[in-house]
Amino acid sequence: MQKKSGSKFRSAVAGGAAGLANGFFGGGGGMLLVPLLTRWCGLDQRQAFATSIAAILPLCALSSAIYWLRGGLDFMLALPYLLGGLLGGFLGGRMFKKLNMVWLRRAFALLILYGGAKALFF
């Protein structure tokens, strides 16, 4: 799919929105970035997921560093999550090409709805 005109500006704004979400909430930038990359920047779904992962890594590293410098991050407490996340990321990356995009998009939508409902009601 061709990217829309003004895509560098749109991409920068989308990245900025993802960075703000990561900074404010400690995560969630990818959930914001994927829809922006597909609908606003014109990337196809697979490109949007892959681009989001590539963009979120440095955003998470920066947010983590800021939280750590301000005393809000305990690396030893985070270590099991990091190890599990590395394994999950490896397996997800390996399976990504084999997954049907319709089902992947639906699973992503359910994840967003679950997160939204949990934030609103629990």
N, C-alpha and C. Protein backbone atom coordinates (compact mmCIF):
# COMPACT_ATOMS: atom_id res chain seq x y z
N MET A 1 0.84 -1.17 0.00
CA MET A 1 0.00 0.00 0.00
C MET A 1 0.89 1.24 0.00
N GLN A 2 0.53 2.22 -0.76
CA GLN A 2 1.26 3.48 -0.83
C GLN A 2 1.00 4.30 0.43
N LYS A 3 2.02 4.96 0.92
CA LYS A 3 1.84 5.84 2.05
C LYS A 3 1.18 7.13 1.57
N LYS A 4 0.40 7.76 2.45
CA LYS A 4 -0.29 8.99 2.12
C LYS A 4 0.69 10.15 2.05
N SER A 5 0.28 11.23 1.37
CA SER A 5 1.15 12.40 1.28
C SER A 5 1.34 13.02 2.66
N GLY A 6 2.47 13.66 2.85
CA GLY A 6 2.78 14.23 4.15
C GLY A 6 3.10 13.16 5.18
N SER A 7 3.54 12.01 4.70
CA SER A 7 3.69 10.87 5.59
C SER A 7 4.80 11.08 6.63
N LYS A 8 5.84 11.85 6.32
CA LYS A 8 6.88 12.09 7.32
C LYS A 8 6.33 12.88 8.49
N PHE A 9 5.55 13.89 8.21
CA PHE A 9 4.93 14.67 9.28
C PHE A 9 3.95 13.81 10.06
N ARG A 10 3.10 13.09 9.36
CA ARG A 10 2.12 12.22 10.02
C ARG A 10 2.82 11.15 10.86
N SER A 11 3.89 10.59 10.32
CA SER A 11 4.63 9.58 11.05
C SER A 11 5.25 10.16 12.32
N ALA A 12 5.77 11.37 12.23
CA ALA A 12 6.36 12.02 13.40
C ALA A 12 5.29 12.31 14.45
N VAL A 13 4.12 12.75 14.02
CA VAL A 13 3.02 13.01 14.96
C VAL A 13 2.56 11.70 15.61
N ALA A 14 2.44 10.65 14.81
CA ALA A 14 2.05 9.34 15.35
C ALA A 14 3.08 8.86 16.36
N GLY A 15 4.35 9.00 16.05
CA GLY A 15 5.40 8.62 16.99
C GLY A 15 5.35 9.45 18.26
N GLY A 16 5.08 10.75 18.11
CA GLY A 16 4.95 11.61 19.29
C GLY A 16 3.80 11.19 20.18
N ALA A 17 2.68 10.83 19.57
CA ALA A 17 1.52 10.36 20.35
C ALA A 17 1.86 9.07 21.09
N ALA A 18 2.58 8.16 20.42
CA ALA A 18 2.99 6.91 21.06
C ALA A 18 3.96 7.19 22.21
N GLY A 19 4.87 8.12 22.01
CA GLY A 19 5.81 8.49 23.06
C GLY A 19 5.11 9.09 24.27
N LEU A 20 4.13 9.95 24.03
CA LEU A 20 3.36 10.52 25.14
C LEU A 20 2.62 9.43 25.91
N ALA A 21 2.00 8.50 25.19
CA ALA A 21 1.29 7.41 25.86
C ALA A 21 2.26 6.59 26.71
N ASN A 22 3.43 6.27 26.17
CA ASN A 22 4.42 5.51 26.93
C ASN A 22 4.88 6.29 28.16
N GLY A 23 5.12 7.57 27.99
CA GLY A 23 5.58 8.39 29.10
C GLY A 23 4.52 8.56 30.19
N PHE A 24 3.29 8.78 29.78
CA PHE A 24 2.21 8.99 30.75
C PHE A 24 1.82 7.70 31.47
N PHE A 25 1.68 6.61 30.71
CA PHE A 25 1.08 5.39 31.24
C PHE A 25 2.07 4.25 31.43
N GLY A 26 3.33 4.45 31.07
CA GLY A 26 4.30 3.39 31.21
C GLY A 26 4.15 2.31 30.15
N GLY A 27 3.43 2.57 29.12
CA GLY A 27 3.20 1.63 28.02
C GLY A 27 1.96 2.03 27.26
N GLY A 28 1.61 1.24 26.28
CA GLY A 28 0.40 1.50 25.50
C GLY A 28 0.63 2.28 24.23
N GLY A 29 1.87 2.72 24.01
CA GLY A 29 2.14 3.48 22.80
C GLY A 29 1.89 2.69 21.53
N GLY A 30 2.17 1.40 21.57
CA GLY A 30 1.95 0.55 20.40
C GLY A 30 0.48 0.41 20.06
N MET A 31 -0.36 0.39 21.09
CA MET A 31 -1.81 0.30 20.84
C MET A 31 -2.32 1.55 20.15
N LEU A 32 -1.68 2.65 20.42
CA LEU A 32 -2.04 3.90 19.77
C LEU A 32 -1.38 4.00 18.39
N LEU A 33 -0.15 3.52 18.30
CA LEU A 33 0.63 3.68 17.08
C LEU A 33 0.12 2.83 15.91
N VAL A 34 -0.27 1.60 16.17
CA VAL A 34 -0.71 0.72 15.08
C VAL A 34 -1.90 1.32 14.32
N PRO A 35 -2.98 1.74 15.00
CA PRO A 35 -4.08 2.35 14.24
C PRO A 35 -3.67 3.63 13.50
N LEU A 36 -2.81 4.43 14.13
CA LEU A 36 -2.36 5.65 13.45
C LEU A 36 -1.54 5.32 12.20
N LEU A 37 -0.69 4.31 12.29
CA LEU A 37 0.13 3.94 11.13
C LEU A 37 -0.71 3.37 9.99
N THR A 38 -1.76 2.63 10.32
CA THR A 38 -2.58 2.05 9.25
C THR A 38 -3.54 3.08 8.66
N ARG A 39 -4.24 3.78 9.50
CA ARG A 39 -5.30 4.67 9.01
C ARG A 39 -4.78 6.03 8.56
N TRP A 40 -3.82 6.56 9.28
CA TRP A 40 -3.39 7.93 9.04
C TRP A 40 -2.14 8.00 8.17
N CYS A 41 -1.25 7.02 8.34
CA CYS A 41 0.01 7.03 7.59
C CYS A 41 -0.01 6.11 6.38
N GLY A 42 -1.03 5.27 6.24
CA GLY A 42 -1.20 4.46 5.05
C GLY A 42 -0.39 3.18 4.99
N LEU A 43 0.16 2.71 6.11
CA LEU A 43 0.90 1.44 6.09
C LEU A 43 -0.09 0.28 6.11
N ASP A 44 0.31 -0.85 5.51
CA ASP A 44 -0.55 -2.02 5.64
C ASP A 44 -0.38 -2.58 7.05
N GLN A 45 -1.26 -3.50 7.42
CA GLN A 45 -1.33 -3.99 8.79
C GLN A 45 -0.01 -4.61 9.26
N ARG A 46 0.59 -5.45 8.45
CA ARG A 46 1.85 -6.09 8.85
C ARG A 46 2.96 -5.04 9.02
N GLN A 47 3.04 -4.09 8.11
CA GLN A 47 4.05 -3.03 8.24
C GLN A 47 3.82 -2.21 9.51
N ALA A 48 2.55 -1.95 9.81
CA ALA A 48 2.23 -1.16 11.00
C ALA A 48 2.63 -1.88 12.28
N PHE A 49 2.33 -3.19 12.37
CA PHE A 49 2.72 -3.94 13.56
C PHE A 49 4.24 -3.95 13.71
N ALA A 50 4.95 -4.25 12.62
CA ALA A 50 6.41 -4.33 12.68
C ALA A 50 7.03 -2.96 12.97
N THR A 51 6.52 -1.92 12.35
CA THR A 51 7.03 -0.57 12.58
C THR A 51 6.77 -0.13 14.01
N SER A 52 5.61 -0.48 14.53
CA SER A 52 5.28 -0.14 15.90
C SER A 52 6.26 -0.78 16.88
N ILE A 53 6.58 -2.05 16.66
CA ILE A 53 7.54 -2.73 17.52
C ILE A 53 8.89 -2.03 17.47
N ALA A 54 9.33 -1.69 16.27
CA ALA A 54 10.63 -1.03 16.11
C ALA A 54 10.64 0.34 16.77
N ALA A 55 9.53 1.06 16.70
CA ALA A 55 9.47 2.40 17.29
C ALA A 55 9.30 2.35 18.81
N ILE A 56 8.60 1.36 19.30
CA ILE A 56 8.31 1.30 20.73
C ILE A 56 9.55 0.94 21.55
N LEU A 57 10.46 0.15 20.98
CA LEU A 57 11.66 -0.24 21.73
C LEU A 57 12.42 0.97 22.28
N PRO A 58 12.82 1.93 21.45
CA PRO A 58 13.55 3.07 22.03
C PRO A 58 12.66 3.94 22.93
N LEU A 59 11.36 4.01 22.63
CA LEU A 59 10.47 4.78 23.50
C LEU A 59 10.38 4.15 24.88
N CYS A 60 10.28 2.83 24.92
CA CYS A 60 10.24 2.13 26.21
C CYS A 60 11.56 2.28 26.95
N ALA A 61 12.67 2.20 26.22
CA ALA A 61 13.98 2.36 26.86
C ALA A 61 14.11 3.76 27.47
N LEU A 62 13.68 4.77 26.74
CA LEU A 62 13.75 6.14 27.25
C LEU A 62 12.83 6.32 28.46
N SER A 63 11.59 5.85 28.36
CA SER A 63 10.66 5.96 29.49
C SER A 63 11.20 5.22 30.71
N SER A 64 11.76 4.02 30.49
CA SER A 64 12.34 3.25 31.59
C SER A 64 13.48 4.01 32.26
N ALA A 65 14.33 4.62 31.46
CA ALA A 65 15.45 5.38 32.01
C ALA A 65 14.95 6.55 32.86
N ILE A 66 13.93 7.23 32.40
CA ILE A 66 13.38 8.36 33.16
C ILE A 66 12.77 7.87 34.47
N TYR A 67 11.98 6.78 34.39
CA TYR A 67 11.40 6.23 35.62
C TYR A 67 12.51 5.79 36.58
N TRP A 68 13.57 5.17 36.05
CA TRP A 68 14.68 4.71 36.89
C TRP A 68 15.40 5.88 37.56
N LEU A 69 15.67 6.94 36.77
CA LEU A 69 16.35 8.11 37.32
C LEU A 69 15.52 8.80 38.41
N ARG A 70 14.23 8.69 38.31
CA ARG A 70 13.35 9.31 39.31
C ARG A 70 13.02 8.36 40.46
N GLY A 71 13.65 7.18 40.45
CA GLY A 71 13.48 6.24 41.55
C GLY A 71 12.23 5.37 41.47
N GLY A 72 11.59 5.32 40.34
CA GLY A 72 10.34 4.56 40.22
C GLY A 72 10.48 3.21 39.56
N LEU A 73 11.70 2.72 39.37
CA LEU A 73 11.89 1.45 38.67
C LEU A 73 12.82 0.55 39.48
N ASP A 74 12.35 -0.64 39.79
CA ASP A 74 13.14 -1.64 40.49
C ASP A 74 13.46 -2.74 39.47
N PHE A 75 14.71 -2.76 38.99
CA PHE A 75 15.09 -3.70 37.93
C PHE A 75 14.89 -5.15 38.36
N MET A 76 15.18 -5.47 39.61
CA MET A 76 15.03 -6.85 40.07
C MET A 76 13.56 -7.27 40.06
N LEU A 77 12.68 -6.36 40.38
CA LEU A 77 11.25 -6.65 40.33
C LEU A 77 10.79 -6.82 38.88
N ALA A 78 11.39 -6.06 37.98
CA ALA A 78 11.00 -6.11 36.57
C ALA A 78 11.62 -7.29 35.82
N LEU A 79 12.66 -7.89 36.36
CA LEU A 79 13.39 -8.94 35.65
C LEU A 79 12.53 -10.11 35.18
N PRO A 80 11.66 -10.70 36.00
CA PRO A 80 10.84 -11.80 35.49
C PRO A 80 9.93 -11.38 34.34
N TYR A 81 9.41 -10.17 34.38
CA TYR A 81 8.57 -9.67 33.30
C TYR A 81 9.38 -9.49 32.03
N LEU A 82 10.60 -9.01 32.19
CA LEU A 82 11.49 -8.83 31.05
C LEU A 82 11.81 -10.16 30.40
N LEU A 83 12.14 -11.16 31.21
CA LEU A 83 12.46 -12.48 30.66
C LEU A 83 11.25 -13.09 29.95
N GLY A 84 10.10 -13.02 30.57
CA GLY A 84 8.87 -13.52 29.94
C GLY A 84 8.55 -12.75 28.67
N GLY A 85 8.74 -11.43 28.72
CA GLY A 85 8.50 -10.60 27.54
C GLY A 85 9.44 -10.92 26.39
N LEU A 86 10.70 -11.19 26.73
CA LEU A 86 11.65 -11.57 25.69
C LEU A 86 11.24 -12.88 25.01
N LEU A 87 10.83 -13.85 25.81
CA LEU A 87 10.37 -15.12 25.24
C LEU A 87 9.11 -14.92 24.40
N GLY A 88 8.16 -14.18 24.93
CA GLY A 88 6.93 -13.91 24.19
C GLY A 88 7.19 -13.14 22.91
N GLY A 89 8.08 -12.17 22.98
CA GLY A 89 8.43 -11.39 21.79
C GLY A 89 9.10 -12.24 20.73
N PHE A 90 9.97 -13.14 21.16
CA PHE A 90 10.63 -14.04 20.22
C PHE A 90 9.61 -14.95 19.55
N LEU A 91 8.75 -15.57 20.35
CA LEU A 91 7.74 -16.47 19.78
C LEU A 91 6.76 -15.72 18.88
N GLY A 92 6.32 -14.55 19.32
CA GLY A 92 5.40 -13.75 18.50
C GLY A 92 6.03 -13.33 17.18
N GLY A 93 7.30 -12.92 17.24
CA GLY A 93 7.99 -12.52 16.02
C GLY A 93 8.16 -13.68 15.05
N ARG A 94 8.40 -14.88 15.59
CA ARG A 94 8.55 -16.06 14.73
C ARG A 94 7.23 -16.46 14.09
N MET A 95 6.12 -16.29 14.80
CA MET A 95 4.81 -16.71 14.30
C MET A 95 4.13 -15.63 13.45
N PHE A 96 4.64 -14.40 13.48
CA PHE A 96 3.97 -13.25 12.87
C PHE A 96 3.62 -13.46 11.40
N LYS A 97 4.55 -13.95 10.60
CA LYS A 97 4.31 -14.13 9.16
C LYS A 97 3.26 -15.20 8.88
N LYS A 98 3.09 -16.14 9.81
CA LYS A 98 2.17 -17.25 9.61
C LYS A 98 0.74 -16.92 10.01
N LEU A 99 0.56 -15.84 10.75
CA LEU A 99 -0.76 -15.52 11.27
C LEU A 99 -1.63 -14.84 10.21
N ASN A 100 -2.90 -15.18 10.23
CA ASN A 100 -3.89 -14.56 9.37
C ASN A 100 -4.15 -13.14 9.90
N MET A 101 -4.03 -12.14 9.04
CA MET A 101 -4.15 -10.75 9.48
C MET A 101 -5.54 -10.43 10.02
N VAL A 102 -6.57 -11.07 9.49
CA VAL A 102 -7.92 -10.82 10.01
C VAL A 102 -7.99 -11.21 11.48
N TRP A 103 -7.47 -12.39 11.81
CA TRP A 103 -7.51 -12.85 13.20
C TRP A 103 -6.56 -12.04 14.08
N LEU A 104 -5.44 -11.66 13.55
CA LEU A 104 -4.51 -10.85 14.31
C LEU A 104 -5.12 -9.48 14.61
N ARG A 105 -5.79 -8.90 13.63
CA ARG A 105 -6.45 -7.60 13.83
C ARG A 105 -7.56 -7.72 14.87
N ARG A 106 -8.33 -8.82 14.82
CA ARG A 106 -9.40 -9.03 15.80
C ARG A 106 -8.83 -9.22 17.20
N ALA A 107 -7.75 -9.98 17.31
CA ALA A 107 -7.12 -10.18 18.61
C ALA A 107 -6.60 -8.86 19.17
N PHE A 108 -6.03 -8.04 18.30
CA PHE A 108 -5.53 -6.73 18.71
C PHE A 108 -6.69 -5.85 19.19
N ALA A 109 -7.80 -5.87 18.46
CA ALA A 109 -8.98 -5.09 18.84
C ALA A 109 -9.52 -5.56 20.19
N LEU A 110 -9.56 -6.86 20.42
CA LEU A 110 -10.02 -7.38 21.71
C LEU A 110 -9.09 -6.95 22.84
N LEU A 111 -7.80 -6.95 22.58
CA LEU A 111 -6.84 -6.50 23.57
C LEU A 111 -7.07 -5.03 23.93
N ILE A 112 -7.30 -4.21 22.93
CA ILE A 112 -7.57 -2.79 23.18
C ILE A 112 -8.87 -2.63 23.97
N LEU A 113 -9.93 -3.37 23.58
CA LEU A 113 -11.21 -3.27 24.29
C LEU A 113 -11.06 -3.75 25.74
N TYR A 114 -10.33 -4.84 25.94
CA TYR A 114 -10.11 -5.33 27.30
C TYR A 114 -9.39 -4.27 28.14
N GLY A 115 -8.34 -3.70 27.60
CA GLY A 115 -7.60 -2.67 28.32
C GLY A 115 -8.47 -1.46 28.64
N GLY A 116 -9.29 -1.05 27.68
CA GLY A 116 -10.18 0.08 27.90
C GLY A 116 -11.22 -0.21 28.97
N ALA A 117 -11.83 -1.38 28.89
CA ALA A 117 -12.84 -1.75 29.89
C ALA A 117 -12.22 -1.87 31.27
N LYS A 118 -11.04 -2.45 31.34
CA LYS A 118 -10.35 -2.60 32.65
C LYS A 118 -10.02 -1.22 33.22
N ALA A 119 -9.56 -0.31 32.37
CA ALA A 119 -9.22 1.04 32.85
C ALA A 119 -10.46 1.81 33.31
N LEU A 120 -11.57 1.59 32.64
CA LEU A 120 -12.79 2.34 33.00
C LEU A 120 -13.51 1.77 34.22
N PHE A 121 -13.53 0.45 34.35
CA PHE A 121 -14.42 -0.15 35.32
C PHE A 121 -13.74 -0.91 36.47
N PHE A 122 -12.45 -1.19 36.38
CA PHE A 122 -11.83 -2.02 37.42
C PHE A 122 -10.63 -1.36 38.01
